[in-house]
C-alpha atoms as a PDB file:
ATOM      1  CA  UNK A   1     148.217 186.544  29.411  1.00  0.00           C
ATOM      2  CA  UNK A   2     148.487 187.333  33.324  1.00  0.00           C
ATOM      3  CA  UNK A   3     150.509 184.747  35.437  1.00  0.00           C
ATOM      4  CA  UNK A   4     149.191 183.052  38.863  1.00  0.00           C
ATOM      5  CA  UNK A   5     148.955 179.961  40.562  1.00  0.00           C
ATOM      6  CA  UNK A   6     146.378 177.878  39.348  1.00  0.00           C
ATOM      7  CA  UNK A   7     144.315 175.899  42.231  1.00  0.00           C
ATOM      8  CA  UNK A   8     143.867 172.025  41.523  1.00  0.00           C
ATOM      9  CA  UNK A   9     141.135 170.820  41.071  1.00  0.00           C
ATOM     10  CA  UNK A  10     140.765 168.501  44.107  1.00  0.00           C
ATOM     11  CA  UNK A  11     141.950 171.570  46.357  1.00  0.00           C
ATOM     12  CA  UNK A  12     138.639 173.516  44.687  1.00  0.00           C
ATOM     13  CA  UNK A  13     136.616 170.041  46.698  1.00  0.00           C
ATOM     14  CA  UNK A  14     137.667 171.270  50.059  1.00  0.00           C
ATOM     15  CA  UNK A  15     135.808 173.481  52.338  1.00  0.00           C
ATOM     16  CA  UNK A  16     137.411 175.424  55.532  1.00  0.00           C
ATOM     17  CA  UNK A  17     135.810 174.276  58.699  1.00  0.00           C
ATOM     18  CA  UNK A  18     133.408 177.303  58.515  1.00  0.00           C
ATOM     19  CA  UNK A  19     132.402 175.618  55.323  1.00  0.00           C
ATOM     20  CA  UNK A  20     133.274 178.508  52.885  1.00  0.00           C
ATOM     21  CA  UNK A  21     135.541 177.606  50.005  1.00  0.00           C
ATOM     22  CA  UNK A  22     139.472 177.404  50.526  1.00  0.00           C
ATOM     23  CA  UNK A  23     141.264 179.902  49.123  1.00  0.00           C
ATOM     24  CA  UNK A  24     144.879 178.959  49.545  1.00  0.00           C
ATOM     25  CA  UNK A  25     145.529 176.004  47.227  1.00  0.00           C
ATOM     26  CA  UNK A  26     148.537 175.141  49.239  1.00  0.00           C
ATOM     27  CA  UNK A  27     147.382 174.250  52.623  1.00  0.00           C
ATOM     28  CA  UNK A  28     145.524 171.487  52.892  1.00  0.00           C
ATOM     29  CA  UNK A  29     144.013 169.986  56.041  1.00  0.00           C
ATOM     30  CA  UNK A  30     143.134 166.338  55.906  1.00  0.00           C
ATOM     31  CA  UNK A  31     140.074 165.393  58.219  1.00  0.00           C
ATOM     32  CA  UNK A  32     139.797 162.021  59.277  1.00  0.00           C
ATOM     33  CA  UNK A  33     137.151 159.793  60.725  1.00  0.00           C
ATOM     34  CA  UNK A  34     136.936 159.674  64.343  1.00  0.00           C
ATOM     35  CA  UNK A  35     138.873 157.497  66.649  1.00  0.00           C
ATOM     36  CA  UNK A  36     137.334 154.786  67.498  1.00  0.00           C
ATOM     37  CA  UNK A  37     137.499 153.455  71.336  1.00  0.00           C
ATOM     38  CA  UNK A  38     139.519 149.941  70.811  1.00  0.00           C
ATOM     39  CA  UNK A  39     137.818 146.525  71.361  1.00  0.00           C
ATOM     40  CA  UNK A  40     138.372 144.984  74.851  1.00  0.00           C
ATOM     41  CA  UNK A  41     140.462 142.137  74.332  1.00  0.00           C
ATOM     42  CA  UNK A  42     138.216 138.594  74.658  1.00  0.00           C
ATOM     43  CA  UNK A  43     138.727 137.010  78.254  1.00  0.00           C
ATOM     44  CA  UNK A  44     139.631 133.317  78.658  1.00  0.00           C
ATOM     45  CA  UNK A  45     140.677 130.847  80.954  1.00  0.00           C
ATOM     46  CA  UNK A  46     143.091 127.918  80.713  1.00  0.00           C
ATOM     47  CA  UNK A  47     142.105 124.895  81.993  1.00  0.00           C
ATOM     48  CA  UNK A  48     143.343 124.816  85.557  1.00  0.00           C
ATOM     49  CA  UNK A  49     146.530 122.435  85.922  1.00  0.00           C
ATOM     50  CA  UNK A  50     146.211 118.860  87.113  1.00  0.00           C
ATOM     51  CA  UNK A  51     147.183 118.950  90.545  1.00  0.00           C
ATOM     52  CA  UNK A  52     148.013 114.933  90.262  1.00  0.00           C
ATOM     53  CA  UNK A  53     151.772 114.174  89.430  1.00  0.00           C
ATOM     54  CA  UNK A  54     152.938 112.071  86.616  1.00  0.00           C
ATOM     55  CA  UNK A  55     155.440 109.744  86.666  1.00  0.00           C
ATOM     56  CA  UNK A  56     156.522 106.529  85.379  1.00  0.00           C
ATOM     57  CA  UNK A  57     156.678 103.358  87.824  1.00  0.00           C
ATOM     58  CA  UNK A  58     159.844 102.922  89.871  1.00  0.00           C
ATOM     59  CA  UNK A  59     161.495  99.757  90.936  1.00  0.00           C
ATOM     60  CA  UNK A  60     161.957  99.356  94.673  1.00  0.00           C
ATOM     61  CA  UNK A  61     165.037  97.212  94.937  1.00  0.00           C
ATOM     62  CA  UNK A  62     167.290  98.935  93.719  1.00  0.00           C
ATOM     63  CA  UNK A  63     166.238 102.402  93.207  1.00  0.00           C
ATOM     64  CA  UNK A  64     165.618 102.573  89.470  1.00  0.00           C
ATOM     65  CA  UNK A  65     163.771 104.633  86.917  1.00  0.00           C
ATOM     66  CA  UNK A  66     161.326 102.444  84.914  1.00  0.00           C
ATOM     67  CA  UNK A  67     158.872 104.390  82.999  1.00  0.00           C
ATOM     68  CA  UNK A  68     156.566 103.283  80.154  1.00  0.00           C
ATOM     69  CA  UNK A  69     158.110 103.425  76.815  1.00  0.00           C
ATOM     70  CA  UNK A  70     156.681 106.060  74.404  1.00  0.00           C
ATOM     71  CA  UNK A  71     158.341 105.970  71.219  1.00  0.00           C
ATOM     72  CA  UNK A  72     160.839 103.630  69.444  1.00  0.00           C
ATOM     73  CA  UNK A  73     162.498 106.076  66.869  1.00  0.00           C
ATOM     74  CA  UNK A  74     165.211 108.983  67.897  1.00  0.00           C
ATOM     75  CA  UNK A  75     163.596 112.257  67.871  1.00  0.00           C
ATOM     76  CA  UNK A  76     162.967 113.655  65.209  1.00  0.00           C
ATOM     77  CA  UNK A  77     164.733 117.043  65.689  1.00  0.00           C
ATOM     78  CA  UNK A  78     167.648 115.422  65.460  1.00  0.00           C
ATOM     79  CA  UNK A  79     170.104 116.179  62.809  1.00  0.00           C
ATOM     80  CA  UNK A  80     171.201 113.366  60.741  1.00  0.00           C
ATOM     81  CA  UNK A  81     174.672 113.220  61.980  1.00  0.00           C
ATOM     82  CA  UNK A  82     173.223 112.905  65.301  1.00  0.00           C
ATOM     83  CA  UNK A  83     171.098 110.074  63.959  1.00  0.00           C
ATOM     84  CA  UNK A  84     174.402 108.350  62.483  1.00  0.00           C
ATOM     85  CA  UNK A  85     175.786 107.779  66.102  1.00  0.00           C
ATOM     86  CA  UNK A  86     172.508 107.067  67.250  1.00  0.00           C
ATOM     87  CA  UNK A  87     172.290 103.928  69.890  1.00  0.00           C
ATOM     88  CA  UNK A  88     171.087 100.888  67.477  1.00  0.00           C
ATOM     89  CA  UNK A  89     169.843  97.255  68.501  1.00  0.00           C
ATOM     90  CA  UNK A  90     168.920  94.142  67.314  1.00  0.00           C
ATOM     91  CA  UNK A  91     167.872  90.832  68.504  1.00  0.00           C
ATOM     92  CA  UNK A  92     169.158  87.994  67.227  1.00  0.00           C
ATOM     93  CA  UNK A  93     167.353  85.635  69.261  1.00  0.00           C
ATOM     94  CA  UNK A  94     165.531  84.818  73.105  1.00  0.00           C
ATOM     95  CA  UNK A  95     164.856  81.416  75.005  1.00  0.00           C
ATOM     96  CA  UNK A  96     164.822  80.403  78.098  1.00  0.00           C
ATOM     97  CA  UNK A  97     166.491  77.488  80.290  1.00  0.00           C
ATOM     98  CA  UNK A  98     164.225  76.519  83.282  1.00  0.00           C
ATOM     99  CA  UNK A  99     164.834  74.409  86.510  1.00  0.00           C
ATOM    100  CA  UNK A 100     168.161  76.637  87.110  1.00  0.00           C
ATOM    101  CA  UNK A 101     169.401  77.443  90.470  1.00  0.00           C
ATOM    102  CA  UNK A 102     171.663  80.318  91.389  1.00  0.00           C
ATOM    103  CA  UNK A 103     172.782  81.595  94.533  1.00  0.00           C
ATOM    104  CA  UNK A 104     170.352  78.806  96.286  1.00  0.00           C
ATOM    105  CA  UNK A 105     167.558  79.392  94.150  1.00  0.00           C
ATOM    106  CA  UNK A 106     165.388  78.022  92.103  1.00  0.00           C
ATOM    107  CA  UNK A 107     164.093  79.894  88.714  1.00  0.00           C
ATOM    108  CA  UNK A 108     164.139  80.455  85.293  1.00  0.00           C
ATOM    109  CA  UNK A 109     166.897  81.914  83.145  1.00  0.00           C
ATOM    110  CA  UNK A 110     166.516  84.379  80.053  1.00  0.00           C
ATOM    111  CA  UNK A 111     168.960  83.875  77.442  1.00  0.00           C
ATOM    112  CA  UNK A 112     169.250  87.139  74.692  1.00  0.00           C
ATOM    113  CA  UNK A 113     171.842  87.157  71.655  1.00  0.00           C
ATOM    114  CA  UNK A 114     171.800  91.226  70.388  1.00  0.00           C
ATOM    115  CA  UNK A 115     174.442  93.201  69.021  1.00  0.00           C
ATOM    116  CA  UNK A 116     174.446  97.194  69.884  1.00  0.00           C
ATOM    117  CA  UNK A 117     175.808 100.169  68.162  1.00  0.00           C
ATOM    118  CA  UNK A 118     177.071 103.255  68.762  1.00  0.00           C
ATOM    119  CA  UNK A 119     176.854 102.223  72.115  1.00  0.00           C
ATOM    120  CA  UNK A 120     180.811 101.795  73.774  1.00  0.00           C
ATOM    121  CA  UNK A 121     180.848 103.200  77.278  1.00  0.00           C
ATOM    122  CA  UNK A 122     177.277 104.275  77.675  1.00  0.00           C
ATOM    123  CA  UNK A 123     174.751 102.422  80.250  1.00  0.00           C
ATOM    124  CA  UNK A 124     172.051 100.322  79.279  1.00  0.00           C
ATOM    125  CA  UNK A 125     169.493  98.104  80.208  1.00  0.00           C
ATOM    126  CA  UNK A 126     167.977  94.651  79.239  1.00  0.00           C
ATOM    127  CA  UNK A 127     164.240  94.627  81.085  1.00  0.00           C
ATOM    128  CA  UNK A 128     161.998  91.706  80.817  1.00  0.00           C
ATOM    129  CA  UNK A 129     158.097  92.390  80.950  1.00  0.00           C
ATOM    130  CA  UNK A 130     156.289  89.529  82.297  1.00  0.00           C
ATOM    131  CA  UNK A 131     152.279  89.570  81.493  1.00  0.00           C
ATOM    132  CA  UNK A 132     149.005  86.688  81.495  1.00  0.00           C
ATOM    133  CA  UNK A 133     148.955  85.413  77.435  1.00  0.00           C
ATOM    134  CA  UNK A 134     145.014  85.664  77.125  1.00  0.00           C
ATOM    135  CA  UNK A 135     142.988  87.818  75.943  1.00  0.00           C
ATOM    136  CA  UNK A 136     143.728  90.696  78.339  1.00  0.00           C
ATOM    137  CA  UNK A 137     147.564  90.456  78.690  1.00  0.00           C
ATOM    138  CA  UNK A 138     147.326  92.475  82.092  1.00  0.00           C
ATOM    139  CA  UNK A 139     150.750  92.654  83.934  1.00  0.00           C
ATOM    140  CA  UNK A 140     151.192  89.977  86.268  1.00  0.00           C
ATOM    141  CA  UNK A 141     151.405  90.896  90.105  1.00  0.00           C
ATOM    142  CA  UNK A 142     154.454  90.145  92.419  1.00  0.00           C
ATOM    143  CA  UNK A 143     155.272  91.222  95.632  1.00  0.00           C
ATOM    144  CA  UNK A 144     159.147  90.303  95.383  1.00  0.00           C
ATOM    145  CA  UNK A 145     161.044  93.225  95.924  1.00  0.00           C
ATOM    146  CA  UNK A 146     163.752  93.767  93.792  1.00  0.00           C
ATOM    147  CA  UNK A 147     161.672  92.286  90.915  1.00  0.00           C
ATOM    148  CA  UNK A 148     158.817  94.372  90.516  1.00  0.00           C
ATOM    149  CA  UNK A 149     157.685  97.710  89.501  1.00  0.00           C
ATOM    150  CA  UNK A 150     156.219 100.720  92.250  1.00  0.00           C
ATOM    151  CA  UNK A 151     152.747  99.128  91.161  1.00  0.00           C
ATOM    152  CA  UNK A 152     153.705  95.907  92.036  1.00  0.00           C
ATOM    153  CA  UNK A 153     153.940  94.423  88.191  1.00  0.00           C
ATOM    154  CA  UNK A 154     156.640  91.719  87.614  1.00  0.00           C
ATOM    155  CA  UNK A 155     159.667  92.551  85.709  1.00  0.00           C
ATOM    156  CA  UNK A 156     163.719  91.431  85.537  1.00  0.00           C
ATOM    157  CA  UNK A 157     166.632  93.565  84.706  1.00  0.00           C
ATOM    158  CA  UNK A 158     170.403  93.947  83.772  1.00  0.00           C
ATOM    159  CA  UNK A 159     172.062  96.741  83.059  1.00  0.00           C
ATOM    160  CA  UNK A 160     175.131  96.653  81.066  1.00  0.00           C
ATOM    161  CA  UNK A 161     177.836  99.085  79.194  1.00  0.00           C
ATOM    162  CA  UNK A 162     179.056  97.597  75.430  1.00  0.00           C
ATOM    163  CA  UNK A 163     183.034  98.029  75.718  1.00  0.00           C
ATOM    164  CA  UNK A 164     183.115  98.531  71.530  1.00  0.00           C
ATOM    165  CA  UNK A 165     181.365 100.779  69.435  1.00  0.00           C
ATOM    166  CA  UNK A 166     179.652  98.056  68.073  1.00  0.00           C
ATOM    167  CA  UNK A 167     179.263  95.134  70.316  1.00  0.00           C
ATOM    168  CA  UNK A 168     177.644  91.746  70.429  1.00  0.00           C
ATOM    169  CA  UNK A 169     176.161  89.456  73.069  1.00  0.00           C
ATOM    170  CA  UNK A 170     175.917  86.173  71.997  1.00  0.00           C
ATOM    171  CA  UNK A 171     174.400  84.991  75.762  1.00  0.00           C
ATOM    172  CA  UNK A 172     173.302  87.686  77.767  1.00  0.00           C
ATOM    173  CA  UNK A 173     170.965  86.226  80.837  1.00  0.00           C
ATOM    174  CA  UNK A 174     168.280  87.311  83.060  1.00  0.00           C
ATOM    175  CA  UNK A 175     167.436  85.220  86.344  1.00  0.00           C
ATOM    176  CA  UNK A 176     164.036  85.100  87.706  1.00  0.00           C
ATOM    177  CA  UNK A 177     163.142  82.955  91.151  1.00  0.00           C
ATOM    178  CA  UNK A 178     160.126  80.906  90.801  1.00  0.00           C
ATOM    179  CA  UNK A 179     159.615  82.175  93.995  1.00  0.00           C
ATOM    180  CA  UNK A 180     159.087  85.930  92.264  1.00  0.00           C
ATOM    181  CA  UNK A 181     156.022  84.207  90.237  1.00  0.00           C
ATOM    182  CA  UNK A 182     152.099  83.495  90.929  1.00  0.00           C
ATOM    183  CA  UNK A 183     151.676  80.157  91.004  1.00  0.00           C
ATOM    184  CA  UNK A 184     150.714  77.375  92.735  1.00  0.00           C
ATOM    185  CA  UNK A 185     148.358  75.005  93.834  1.00  0.00           C
ATOM    186  CA  UNK A 186     148.045  73.220  91.016  1.00  0.00           C
ATOM    187  CA  UNK A 187     146.996  76.113  89.072  1.00  0.00           C
ATOM    188  CA  UNK A 188     148.588  76.438  85.275  1.00  0.00           C
ATOM    189  CA  UNK A 189     149.815  79.394  84.557  1.00  0.00           C
ATOM    190  CA  UNK A 190     149.944  81.125  81.110  1.00  0.00           C
ATOM    191  CA  UNK A 191     152.388  83.899  81.093  1.00  0.00           C
ATOM    192  CA  UNK A 192     154.406  85.940  77.879  1.00  0.00           C
ATOM    193  CA  UNK A 193     156.970  87.867  78.651  1.00  0.00           C
ATOM    194  CA  UNK A 194     159.130  91.061  76.458  1.00  0.00           C
ATOM    195  CA  UNK A 195     162.839  91.682  76.641  1.00  0.00           C
ATOM    196  CA  UNK A 196     163.538  94.918  75.648  1.00  0.00           C
ATOM    197  CA  UNK A 197     166.616  97.163  75.640  1.00  0.00           C
ATOM    198  CA  UNK A 198     166.556 101.126  76.352  1.00  0.00           C
ATOM    199  CA  UNK A 199     169.501 103.195  77.216  1.00  0.00           C
ATOM    200  CA  UNK A 200     169.296 104.679  80.773  1.00  0.00           C
ATOM    201  CA  UNK A 201     169.992 108.152  80.122  1.00  0.00           C
ATOM    202  CA  UNK A 202     166.402 107.594  77.573  1.00  0.00           C
ATOM    203  CA  UNK A 203     164.595 105.022  79.645  1.00  0.00           C
ATOM    204  CA  UNK A 204     161.428 105.951  77.345  1.00  0.00           C
ATOM    205  CA  UNK A 205     162.928 105.086  74.493  1.00  0.00           C
ATOM    206  CA  UNK A 206     163.475 101.422  73.326  1.00  0.00           C
ATOM    207  CA  UNK A 207     166.065 100.879  71.070  1.00  0.00           C
ATOM    208  CA  UNK A 208     164.948  96.873  70.564  1.00  0.00           C
ATOM    209  CA  UNK A 209     162.353  95.071  71.723  1.00  0.00           C
ATOM    210  CA  UNK A 210     162.297  91.284  71.722  1.00  0.00           C
ATOM    211  CA  UNK A 211     159.361  89.015  70.355  1.00  0.00           C
ATOM    212  CA  UNK A 212     156.464  87.774  72.877  1.00  0.00           C
ATOM    213  CA  UNK A 213     158.404  84.717  74.421  1.00  0.00           C
ATOM    214  CA  UNK A 214     155.253  82.471  75.994  1.00  0.00           C
ATOM    215  CA  UNK A 215     155.498  79.712  78.781  1.00  0.00           C
ATOM    216  CA  UNK A 216     153.137  77.893  80.747  1.00  0.00           C
ATOM    217  CA  UNK A 217     154.209  77.501  84.747  1.00  0.00           C
ATOM    218  CA  UNK A 218     152.700  74.690  86.738  1.00  0.00           C
END
């Protein structure tokens, strides 16, 4: 038997560029498909950015940021250890005294009992927002400086700094002069207000919100 190289059957199917069968079985020319030109990228345009600045109302006097509350729970990305030390608060009660005099002004005094935890030596705000007690519930307008937002809505607030890790307030007070409120001419005004606790560094998050408190002024 004469020895020699036996071409692989697959090689026999290949042809040289001239069209003749290839005689060198160990040389394989791989011929691929012609390169296709890349497809052009799809053009798209992002919507034009709004030039209108977005901001919350700001109390005119003293200057303090009062943005709308957009959430009532901690950031979901916070870890469990963070949540253990997240500030927490709860109201035990809210009540109101009328015809109270303070610094020569007559008005109403809002009282609140609440406790606040994980909040030692951090600054917080207690703020009451006033609305009409009707089917619309619109904010109450006022022109009184120091008791209004830049939108002209009536509110009253006080800052506080809890001295302990768990601090209880049995009678926290907010005073609202009657002259800041839109009533008179024998017309009865049905109003409601809601008291809110929030941290100065996280004003968009309400730690606690009271039930609506209702009153009638005439």
